[in-house]
Amino acid sequence: MAEKAVPSVILDHNVWGNSAHYPGSDQNHRHISLDHHVAPDQSDRIYMDYNATTPVDPEVVRAITEALTDAWGNPSSNYLPGLKAKDTIYHSRDTIARMVGGNAADIIFTSGGTEANNLVFHTAVEHFRKSMASSEESTQNQQLNGRGSLPHIITSNVEHDSIKVTAEHLLKDGKADVTFVPVSNVTARVEVEDIIAAICPTTCFVSVMLANNETGIIMPIKDICQRVKEVNKQRSLSAPRILLHSDAAQAIGKIRVNAHELGVDYLTIVGHKFYGPRIGALFVKDPGSPTPVCPLFFGGGQERSFRPGTENTAMIAGLGKAAELVSLNLADYEAHFLNIRFYLEQKLIASFGEDKVHFNSHFPGSDILPNTCNVSILGRGLQGRRVLSACRRLLASVGAACHSDRGDQASHVLLSCGIPYDVATNALRISMGRSTSREDVDIVVEDLRAAVEQLQSNCKE
């Protein structure tokens, strides 16, 4: 593509597309890479990969900027700049807690979702070890599972890598037994009965995501928690309490999330999935007592020593503002997402024909995120990555962003849900944002149509 004159420059790693998709941006701005090599013109690209990450809302940027300017002091200090920082952190902690139905004391700030998830897994293993050490029947417990008193963890086979790889690491190193419960090929959900059937005497932890990042399928977390709590009540005193965790990264900001109603002990919160900065938080129901938290780090005692280290005040302020926007506007966000997703699905069927489009998010009896459309355009040579490469306008993905280097391999998540291999390899994950419009959808579907026609024409030559 020929280069055009550059009215102004934004130094950025990412191309966000037109002003409709980057609130507050200027249509005349161009993006270039940080190595100063001018990129092809991207001003007309339309971003629809909001499940991967979202732009930072302008109000969040303002909150971050104000904190950098006015709350720059060390929050552990007793003079005015430090007290201002401390107050900013508390206000954000309270706002984030209210977004998920908790109390300020329930929130522990982390660097992101990956750290939060690792912290909970570490806690579960330590919780088991301490429970076994304090049990009067510790000698008997050494043979509970036939392999010594290893903690037993239950999770699903469609989790984010920060869960999946952590569990695999514990299993490989002989630090835990892990059961990866498969999702149903009928509903694409983790079924409650399958979770309960996997419980054994050494089970100490259940972790199931609230909504899948590729399919958008919403998991029955409330039902799982209710049933596991019944099991906890019936267990012997020597058996460890089963802790309950859900990674809510993809759900927050799209659907209502209330940790107490769900019944979880832990809930992972990720800022950059709901127009906030790239930090995270962990909801812990009454942390320390009765819900354990075993720190990964040790230091100066910040975050009640659960996650020590001088707090990142500005990013915490931004996360708080992002949470505030969700609490105030969630109903509007959800309604908009649903409207645009339904319109997108209708346009895809109208453009390609009902027999040429397979929605990999549609499963009987299962709810899905309002903004997520996982779709395959059926046909030879129409692998998702090839289609996206041929698109001139659309910026989307074939699945999780952390799997972007896996070529034309079918997503293991889709295969686990029972999607045939040749359909799964053609998958596109199109996820809408707060400013995605019907006009954007019209342009994107036409772009997809042109890309498919080009690829089909090449196959005939």
Protein backbone atom coordinates (compact mmCIF):
# COMPACT_ATOMS: atom_id res chain seq x y z
CA MET A 1 0.00 0.00 0.00
CA ALA A 2 1.39 3.40 -0.95
CA GLU A 3 2.46 5.71 1.83
CA LYS A 4 0.51 8.91 2.40
CA ALA A 5 1.50 12.17 4.02
CA VAL A 6 1.52 11.92 7.78
CA PRO A 7 -0.44 14.75 9.43
CA SER A 8 0.65 13.69 12.92
CA VAL A 9 2.24 10.74 14.65
CA ILE A 10 1.31 8.55 17.62
CA LEU A 11 4.05 6.36 18.99
CA ASP A 12 2.34 3.12 19.85
CA HIS A 13 2.87 -0.63 19.65
CA ASN A 14 -0.70 -1.25 18.54
CA VAL A 15 -2.95 -0.07 15.75
CA TRP A 16 -6.35 0.77 17.13
CA GLY A 17 -8.13 1.76 13.94
CA ASN A 18 -10.48 4.66 13.41
CA SER A 19 -11.67 7.15 15.99
CA ALA A 20 -14.83 5.14 16.64
CA HIS A 21 -12.63 2.46 18.20
CA TYR A 22 -10.15 4.60 20.07
CA PRO A 23 -12.19 7.10 22.10
CA GLY A 24 -10.67 10.53 21.99
CA SER A 25 -8.32 9.79 19.10
CA ASP A 26 -7.94 11.98 16.02
CA GLN A 27 -8.88 10.51 12.63
CA ASN A 28 -5.86 12.23 11.09
CA HIS A 29 -3.42 10.49 13.38
CA ARG A 30 -1.20 7.76 11.98
CA HIS A 31 0.51 5.07 14.01
CA ILE A 32 4.12 4.10 13.53
CA SER A 33 6.22 1.52 15.31
CA LEU A 34 8.69 2.55 17.98
CA ASP A 35 11.65 1.70 15.76
CA HIS A 36 10.58 4.65 13.55
CA HIS A 37 9.84 2.50 10.50
CA VAL A 38 6.71 4.02 9.02
CA ALA A 39 3.90 1.47 8.86
CA PRO A 40 1.37 1.26 6.05
CA ASP A 41 -1.64 3.51 6.43
CA GLN A 42 -3.97 2.01 9.03
CA SER A 43 -6.40 4.88 9.50
CA ASP A 44 -9.34 2.92 8.10
CA ARG A 45 -8.80 -0.30 10.07
CA ILE A 46 -11.66 -1.43 12.30
CA TYR A 47 -10.69 -3.07 15.57
CA MET A 48 -12.85 -5.99 16.70
CA ASP A 49 -10.57 -7.88 19.07
CA TYR A 50 -11.78 -6.45 22.35
CA ASN A 51 -11.52 -9.83 24.10
CA ALA A 52 -7.75 -9.58 23.59
CA THR A 53 -7.48 -6.08 25.03
CA THR A 54 -9.36 -2.79 25.11
CA PRO A 55 -8.18 0.79 24.68
CA VAL A 56 -7.95 2.81 27.86
CA ASP A 57 -11.05 4.94 28.36
CA PRO A 58 -10.33 8.71 28.33
CA GLU A 59 -11.77 9.07 31.84
CA VAL A 60 -9.38 6.35 32.99
CA VAL A 61 -6.48 8.18 31.34
CA ARG A 62 -7.47 11.33 33.22
CA ALA A 63 -7.62 9.45 36.52
CA ILE A 64 -4.16 7.99 35.89
CA THR A 65 -2.75 11.39 34.91
CA GLU A 66 -4.21 13.06 38.01
CA ALA A 67 -2.73 10.36 40.23
CA LEU A 68 0.68 10.72 38.60
CA THR A 69 0.50 14.47 39.22
CA ASP A 70 -1.21 14.73 42.61
CA ALA A 71 -0.77 11.33 44.28
CA TRP A 72 2.88 10.64 43.52
CA GLY A 73 3.94 10.12 47.14
CA ASN A 74 4.73 6.78 48.74
CA PRO A 75 1.44 5.45 50.16
CA SER A 76 3.28 4.22 53.25
CA SER A 77 4.39 7.76 54.14
CA ASN A 78 2.54 10.01 56.59
CA TYR A 79 3.06 13.36 54.88
CA LEU A 80 0.57 14.91 52.46
CA PRO A 81 1.65 13.41 49.09
CA GLY A 82 1.78 9.95 50.67
CA LEU A 83 -1.59 10.38 52.36
CA LYS A 84 -3.06 11.49 49.04
CA ALA A 85 -1.73 8.32 47.40
CA LYS A 86 -3.09 6.18 50.23
CA ASP A 87 -6.51 7.78 49.92
CA THR A 88 -6.50 7.26 46.14
CA ILE A 89 -5.72 3.58 46.59
CA TYR A 90 -8.43 3.10 49.19
CA HIS A 91 -11.03 4.82 47.01
CA SER A 92 -10.13 2.57 44.07
CA ARG A 93 -10.16 -0.53 46.26
CA ASP A 94 -13.67 0.33 47.43
CA THR A 95 -14.91 1.09 43.89
CA ILE A 96 -13.52 -2.18 42.49
CA ALA A 97 -15.01 -4.15 45.38
CA ARG A 98 -18.47 -2.66 44.79
CA MET A 99 -18.23 -3.56 41.08
CA VAL A 100 -18.01 -7.27 42.03
CA GLY A 101 -20.28 -7.14 45.08
CA GLY A 102 -17.56 -7.19 47.73
CA ASN A 103 -16.01 -5.02 50.42
CA ALA A 104 -12.87 -2.92 50.13
CA ALA A 105 -10.96 -5.35 52.36
CA ASP A 106 -11.65 -8.15 49.85
CA ILE A 107 -9.47 -6.59 47.11
CA ILE A 108 -5.76 -7.34 46.67
CA PHE A 109 -3.98 -5.52 43.84
CA THR A 110 -1.71 -7.49 41.49
CA SER A 111 0.29 -6.79 38.34
CA GLY A 112 -2.40 -8.50 36.26
CA GLY A 113 -4.59 -11.56 35.83
CA THR A 114 -1.71 -13.98 35.43
CA GLU A 115 -0.23 -13.03 38.79
CA ALA A 116 -3.65 -13.18 40.46
CA ASN A 117 -4.27 -16.68 39.10
CA ASN A 118 -0.81 -17.89 40.12
CA LEU A 119 -1.30 -16.44 43.61
CA VAL A 120 -4.51 -18.44 44.06
CA PHE A 121 -2.95 -21.71 42.86
CA HIS A 122 0.02 -21.17 45.16
CA THR A 123 -2.37 -20.48 48.02
CA ALA A 124 -4.34 -23.65 47.33
CA VAL A 125 -1.23 -25.83 47.46
CA GLU A 126 0.03 -24.18 50.65
CA HIS A 127 -3.45 -24.35 52.19
CA PHE A 128 -3.48 -28.11 51.60
CA ARG A 129 0.00 -28.58 53.03
CA LYS A 130 -0.84 -26.64 56.19
CA SER A 131 -4.17 -28.44 56.56
CA MET A 132 -2.47 -31.82 56.37
CA ALA A 133 0.31 -30.81 58.76
CA SER A 134 -2.18 -29.68 61.38
CA SER A 135 -4.46 -32.69 61.04
CA GLU A 136 -4.42 -35.20 63.89
CA GLU A 137 -4.73 -37.89 61.24
CA SER A 138 -1.78 -36.70 59.16
CA THR A 139 -0.19 -40.16 59.11
CA GLN A 140 -3.36 -41.70 57.69
CA ASN A 141 -3.70 -38.86 55.22
CA GLN A 142 -0.36 -39.73 53.65
CA GLN A 143 -2.12 -42.53 51.78
CA LEU A 144 -5.41 -40.81 50.93
CA ASN A 145 -4.77 -40.82 47.21
CA GLY A 146 -2.23 -43.59 47.00
CA ARG A 147 0.57 -41.19 46.07
CA GLY A 148 1.23 -39.45 49.32
CA SER A 149 -0.64 -36.37 50.44
CA LEU A 150 -0.54 -34.43 47.20
CA PRO A 151 -3.14 -31.69 46.86
CA HIS A 152 -5.75 -32.42 44.21
CA ILE A 153 -6.86 -29.56 41.95
CA ILE A 154 -9.86 -29.53 39.61
CA THR A 155 -10.09 -27.18 36.64
CA SER A 156 -11.50 -27.30 33.11
CA ASN A 157 -9.81 -28.15 29.81
CA VAL A 158 -10.64 -24.75 28.25
CA GLU A 159 -8.99 -22.39 30.75
CA HIS A 160 -6.72 -19.47 29.94
CA ASP A 161 -3.03 -20.37 29.86
CA SER A 162 -2.40 -18.62 33.18
CA ILE A 163 -4.56 -21.36 34.70
CA LYS A 164 -3.79 -24.24 32.35
CA VAL A 165 0.00 -23.90 32.33
CA THR A 166 0.16 -23.28 36.07
CA ALA A 167 -1.80 -26.48 36.73
CA GLU A 168 0.34 -28.42 34.26
CA HIS A 169 3.51 -27.13 35.96
CA LEU A 170 2.32 -28.29 39.39
CA LEU A 171 1.42 -31.68 37.92
CA LYS A 172 4.74 -32.08 36.09
CA ASP A 173 6.77 -31.12 39.16
CA GLY A 174 4.88 -33.59 41.35
CA LYS A 175 3.48 -30.82 43.54
CA ALA A 176 -0.19 -31.56 42.85
CA ASP A 177 -2.59 -33.95 41.21
CA VAL A 178 -4.76 -32.21 38.63
CA THR A 179 -7.99 -33.19 36.94
CA PHE A 180 -8.83 -31.26 33.76
CA VAL A 181 -12.57 -31.75 33.50
CA PRO A 182 -13.65 -31.69 29.82
CA VAL A 183 -16.42 -29.37 28.73
CA SER A 184 -19.56 -30.90 27.28
CA ASN A 185 -19.70 -31.31 23.50
CA VAL A 186 -23.41 -30.43 23.74
CA THR A 187 -23.25 -27.24 25.82
CA ALA A 188 -19.52 -26.30 25.68
CA ARG A 189 -19.84 -25.73 29.44
CA VAL A 190 -18.22 -27.45 32.35
CA GLU A 191 -21.05 -29.50 33.78
CA VAL A 192 -21.62 -29.37 37.52
CA GLU A 193 -21.97 -33.14 37.88
CA ASP A 194 -18.60 -33.68 36.19
CA ILE A 195 -16.93 -31.35 38.71
CA ILE A 196 -18.55 -33.16 41.63
CA ALA A 197 -17.61 -36.56 40.21
CA ALA A 198 -13.95 -35.49 40.06
CA ILE A 199 -13.75 -34.66 43.78
CA CYS A 200 -11.64 -37.00 45.89
CA PRO A 201 -10.47 -36.92 49.55
CA THR A 202 -7.46 -34.72 48.72
CA THR A 203 -9.31 -32.22 46.54
CA CYS A 204 -8.53 -28.75 47.88
CA PHE A 205 -9.21 -26.39 44.98
CA VAL A 206 -11.65 -25.91 42.09
CA SER A 207 -10.92 -23.24 39.46
CA VAL A 208 -13.28 -22.66 36.52
CA MET A 209 -13.38 -19.51 34.40
CA LEU A 210 -16.58 -17.46 34.44
CA ALA A 211 -16.65 -16.98 30.67
CA ASN A 212 -14.46 -18.49 27.98
CA ASN A 213 -12.27 -16.03 26.11
CA GLU A 214 -12.71 -17.74 22.71
CA THR A 215 -16.30 -18.97 22.60
CA GLY A 216 -17.79 -16.53 25.11
CA ILE A 217 -19.59 -19.45 26.80
CA ILE A 218 -20.61 -18.58 30.36
CA MET A 219 -19.88 -21.32 32.88
CA PRO A 220 -22.31 -22.37 35.67
CA ILE A 221 -20.12 -21.04 38.46
CA LYS A 222 -22.94 -20.38 40.93
CA ASP A 223 -24.20 -23.96 40.64
CA ILE A 224 -20.68 -25.38 40.91
CA CYS A 225 -20.01 -23.37 44.07
CA GLN A 226 -23.29 -24.38 45.69
CA ARG A 227 -22.63 -28.08 45.12
CA VAL A 228 -19.00 -27.93 46.24
CA LYS A 229 -20.01 -26.14 49.44
CA GLU A 230 -22.42 -28.99 50.15
CA VAL A 231 -19.50 -31.39 49.74
CA ASN A 232 -17.42 -29.27 52.12
CA LYS A 233 -20.10 -29.56 54.80
CA GLN A 234 -20.12 -33.35 54.51
CA ARG A 235 -16.34 -33.88 54.54
CA SER A 236 -14.48 -35.31 57.48
CA LEU A 237 -12.56 -32.93 59.70
CA SER A 238 -9.31 -34.35 58.37
CA ALA A 239 -10.12 -33.44 54.76
CA PRO A 240 -9.08 -30.01 53.49
CA ARG A 241 -11.69 -27.41 52.70
CA ILE A 242 -12.20 -27.09 48.93
CA LEU A 243 -11.45 -23.51 47.87
CA LEU A 244 -13.40 -22.02 44.95
CA HIS A 245 -11.95 -19.70 42.31
CA SER A 246 -13.13 -18.21 39.05
CA ASP A 247 -11.15 -16.20 36.52
CA ALA A 248 -13.60 -13.43 35.58
CA ALA A 249 -11.26 -11.64 33.15
CA GLN A 250 -13.57 -11.94 30.14
CA ALA A 251 -16.85 -11.44 31.99
CA ILE A 252 -16.33 -8.20 33.91
CA GLY A 253 -17.56 -5.18 31.98
CA LYS A 254 -19.80 -7.32 29.75
CA ILE A 255 -22.17 -9.06 32.16
CA ARG A 256 -23.07 -8.59 35.82
CA VAL A 257 -20.52 -10.21 38.11
CA ASN A 258 -21.21 -10.53 41.84
CA ALA A 259 -18.70 -12.63 43.74
CA HIS A 260 -20.97 -13.22 46.73
CA GLU A 261 -23.89 -14.35 44.58
CA LEU A 262 -21.58 -16.67 42.64
CA GLY A 263 -20.28 -18.12 45.90
CA VAL A 264 -16.58 -17.99 45.05
CA ASP A 265 -13.74 -17.58 47.51
CA TYR A 266 -11.55 -15.91 44.87
CA LEU A 267 -12.29 -13.93 41.71
CA THR A 268 -9.69 -12.68 39.22
CA ILE A 269 -10.11 -9.11 37.87
CA VAL A 270 -8.16 -7.88 34.82
CA GLY A 271 -8.17 -4.16 34.01
CA HIS A 272 -7.26 -4.17 30.34
CA LYS A 273 -10.33 -6.25 29.49
CA PHE A 274 -12.71 -3.46 30.55
CA TYR A 275 -11.03 -0.26 29.31
CA GLY A 276 -8.65 -0.01 32.26
CA PRO A 277 -4.86 -0.17 32.58
CA ARG A 278 -2.82 -3.38 32.48
CA ILE A 279 -2.95 -4.26 36.14
CA GLY A 280 -5.25 -6.61 37.97
CA ALA A 281 -6.81 -7.43 41.29
CA LEU A 282 -7.89 -10.49 43.19
CA PHE A 283 -11.16 -10.58 45.10
CA VAL A 284 -10.73 -12.73 48.21
CA LYS A 285 -13.72 -13.30 50.48
CA ASP A 286 -12.47 -12.10 53.89
CA PRO A 287 -8.76 -12.59 53.06
CA GLY A 288 -6.58 -14.30 55.63
CA SER A 289 -9.49 -15.45 57.75
CA PRO A 290 -11.40 -17.48 56.85
CA THR A 291 -10.09 -17.51 53.25
CA PRO A 292 -6.33 -18.17 53.08
CA VAL A 293 -3.89 -16.08 51.06
CA CYS A 294 -0.29 -17.31 50.88
CA PRO A 295 1.94 -14.65 49.33
CA LEU A 296 4.21 -15.26 46.37
CA PHE A 297 6.40 -12.29 47.36
CA PHE A 298 7.79 -10.98 50.62
CA GLY A 299 8.75 -7.43 51.41
CA GLY A 300 7.57 -4.29 53.15
CA GLY A 301 4.10 -5.37 54.16
CA GLN A 302 2.02 -3.53 51.57
CA GLU A 303 -1.40 -4.99 50.72
CA ARG A 304 -1.47 -6.42 54.27
CA SER A 305 1.60 -8.51 53.25
CA PHE A 306 -0.56 -10.57 50.87
CA ARG A 307 1.14 -8.86 47.91
CA PRO A 308 3.95 -6.61 49.18
CA GLY A 309 5.71 -3.98 47.08
CA THR A 310 5.18 -0.22 46.80
CA GLU A 311 1.76 0.22 45.23
CA ASN A 312 1.38 1.40 41.65
CA THR A 313 -0.90 4.26 42.65
CA ALA A 314 -1.59 5.68 39.20
CA MET A 315 -2.58 2.36 37.64
CA ILE A 316 -4.68 1.50 40.69
CA ALA A 317 -6.46 4.83 40.27
CA GLY A 318 -7.11 3.95 36.63
CA LEU A 319 -8.45 0.53 37.55
CA GLY A 320 -10.78 2.15 40.06
CA LYS A 321 -12.12 4.57 37.46
CA ALA A 322 -12.64 1.73 34.96
CA ALA A 323 -14.58 -0.16 37.64
CA GLU A 324 -16.68 2.91 38.36
CA LEU A 325 -17.62 3.20 34.69
CA VAL A 326 -18.68 -0.45 34.64
CA SER A 327 -20.84 -0.03 37.75
CA LEU A 328 -22.54 3.06 36.31
CA ASN A 329 -23.05 1.91 32.73
CA LEU A 330 -23.12 -1.89 32.60
CA ALA A 331 -26.74 -2.17 31.48
CA ASP A 332 -26.07 0.16 28.55
CA TYR A 333 -22.85 -1.63 27.63
CA GLU A 334 -24.53 -5.04 27.66
CA ALA A 335 -27.50 -3.87 25.61
CA HIS A 336 -25.19 -2.32 23.03
CA PHE A 337 -23.04 -5.44 22.76
CA LEU A 338 -26.10 -7.64 22.23
CA ASN A 339 -27.50 -5.32 19.58
CA ILE A 340 -24.25 -5.26 17.61
CA ARG A 341 -23.58 -8.99 17.94
CA PHE A 342 -27.05 -9.95 16.72
CA TYR A 343 -26.65 -7.54 13.82
CA LEU A 344 -23.25 -9.02 12.95
CA GLU A 345 -24.61 -12.55 12.97
CA GLN A 346 -27.51 -11.56 10.72
CA LYS A 347 -25.20 -9.78 8.28
CA LEU A 348 -22.85 -12.78 8.10
CA ILE A 349 -25.72 -15.12 7.28
CA ALA A 350 -27.12 -12.69 4.70
CA SER A 351 -23.73 -12.24 3.07
CA PHE A 352 -22.45 -15.83 2.98
CA GLY A 353 -25.57 -17.94 3.33
CA GLU A 354 -26.74 -19.92 6.33
CA ASP A 355 -25.09 -23.11 5.07
CA LYS A 356 -21.67 -21.43 4.76
CA VAL A 357 -21.51 -19.92 8.26
CA HIS A 358 -21.02 -21.87 11.48
CA PHE A 359 -21.28 -20.04 14.80
CA ASN A 360 -18.87 -21.76 17.18
CA SER A 361 -20.40 -19.90 20.12
CA HIS A 362 -23.92 -21.27 19.69
CA PHE A 363 -24.66 -24.25 21.92
CA PRO A 364 -28.12 -25.30 23.15
CA GLY A 365 -28.87 -24.21 26.68
CA SER A 366 -25.71 -22.13 27.09
CA ASP A 367 -25.46 -18.38 27.53
CA ILE A 368 -22.64 -16.47 25.86
CA LEU A 369 -20.99 -13.12 26.39
CA PRO A 370 -22.99 -10.39 24.64
CA ASN A 371 -20.00 -9.08 22.68
CA THR A 372 -18.43 -12.32 21.41
CA CYS A 373 -18.94 -13.97 18.03
CA ASN A 374 -16.79 -16.99 17.19
CA VAL A 375 -17.60 -17.90 13.60
CA SER A 376 -16.24 -20.09 10.81
CA ILE A 377 -16.79 -19.30 7.14
CA LEU A 378 -16.92 -22.75 5.63
CA GLY A 379 -14.93 -23.68 2.57
CA ARG A 380 -11.58 -24.98 1.38
CA GLY A 381 -8.66 -22.60 1.88
CA LEU A 382 -10.60 -20.33 4.25
CA GLN A 383 -8.56 -20.93 7.38
CA GLY A 384 -9.14 -18.12 9.84
CA ARG A 385 -5.61 -16.77 9.71
CA ARG A 386 -5.65 -16.67 5.89
CA VAL A 387 -8.99 -14.84 5.86
CA LEU A 388 -7.76 -12.23 8.32
CA SER A 389 -4.54 -11.76 6.35
CA ALA A 390 -6.61 -11.05 3.25
CA CYS A 391 -8.83 -8.50 5.03
CA ARG A 392 -8.06 -4.85 4.37
CA ARG A 393 -10.11 -3.34 7.21
CA LEU A 394 -10.81 -5.89 9.94
CA LEU A 395 -8.53 -6.34 12.94
CA ALA A 396 -9.61 -9.51 14.77
CA SER A 397 -8.09 -12.83 15.82
CA VAL A 398 -8.53 -16.57 15.41
CA GLY A 399 -8.60 -17.18 19.17
CA ALA A 400 -6.67 -16.22 22.27
CA ALA A 401 -4.03 -13.55 21.64
CA CYS A 402 -1.43 -15.60 23.55
CA HIS A 403 -1.80 -18.33 20.90
CA SER A 404 -1.20 -16.04 17.91
CA ASP A 405 1.98 -17.90 16.91
CA ARG A 406 0.35 -21.28 16.32
CA GLY A 407 -0.22 -20.94 12.58
CA ASP A 408 -3.27 -22.68 11.12
CA GLN A 409 -3.67 -25.14 13.99
CA ALA A 410 -7.23 -25.46 15.20
CA SER A 411 -7.97 -24.01 18.62
CA HIS A 412 -7.86 -26.67 21.34
CA VAL A 413 -10.77 -24.84 22.98
CA LEU A 414 -13.01 -25.28 19.93
CA LEU A 415 -11.93 -28.90 19.48
CA SER A 416 -12.68 -29.53 23.16
CA CYS A 417 -16.18 -28.15 22.58
CA GLY A 418 -16.78 -30.69 19.81
CA ILE A 419 -16.25 -28.39 16.84
CA PRO A 420 -14.96 -30.48 13.87
CA TYR A 421 -11.31 -29.84 12.97
CA ASP A 422 -11.97 -28.43 9.49
CA VAL A 423 -14.54 -26.02 10.96
CA ALA A 424 -12.31 -25.01 13.88
CA THR A 425 -9.38 -24.15 11.61
CA ASN A 426 -11.60 -21.62 9.81
CA ALA A 427 -12.61 -19.90 13.05
CA LEU A 428 -12.57 -16.16 13.57
CA ARG A 429 -13.11 -14.56 16.96
CA ILE A 430 -14.82 -11.22 16.45
CA SER A 431 -15.38 -9.34 19.70
CA MET A 432 -17.14 -5.99 19.87
CA GLY A 433 -16.41 -2.92 22.00
CA ARG A 434 -18.43 -0.12 23.49
CA SER A 435 -18.13 2.07 20.40
CA THR A 436 -18.53 -0.61 17.71
CA SER A 437 -21.33 0.49 15.41
CA ARG A 438 -23.62 -1.14 12.86
CA GLU A 439 -21.75 0.83 10.21
CA ASP A 440 -18.55 -0.86 11.38
CA VAL A 441 -20.25 -4.23 11.07
CA ASP A 442 -21.37 -3.45 7.51
CA ILE A 443 -17.81 -2.53 6.54
CA VAL A 444 -16.30 -5.58 8.26
CA VAL A 445 -18.70 -8.06 6.66
CA GLU A 446 -18.04 -6.59 3.23
CA ASP A 447 -14.32 -6.79 3.97
CA LEU A 448 -14.68 -10.45 4.93
CA ARG A 449 -16.69 -11.13 1.78
CA ALA A 450 -14.01 -9.57 -0.40
CA ALA A 451 -11.28 -11.54 1.41
CA VAL A 452 -13.15 -14.83 0.99
CA GLU A 453 -13.78 -14.16 -2.73
CA GLN A 454 -10.08 -13.40 -3.22
CA LEU A 455 -9.00 -16.60 -1.47
CA GLN A 456 -11.52 -18.72 -3.36
CA SER A 457 -10.39 -17.18 -6.65
CA ASN A 458 -6.77 -18.02 -5.81
CA CYS A 459 -7.75 -21.64 -5.08
CA LYS A 460 -9.27 -21.98 -8.56
CA GLU A 461 -6.18 -20.68 -10.36
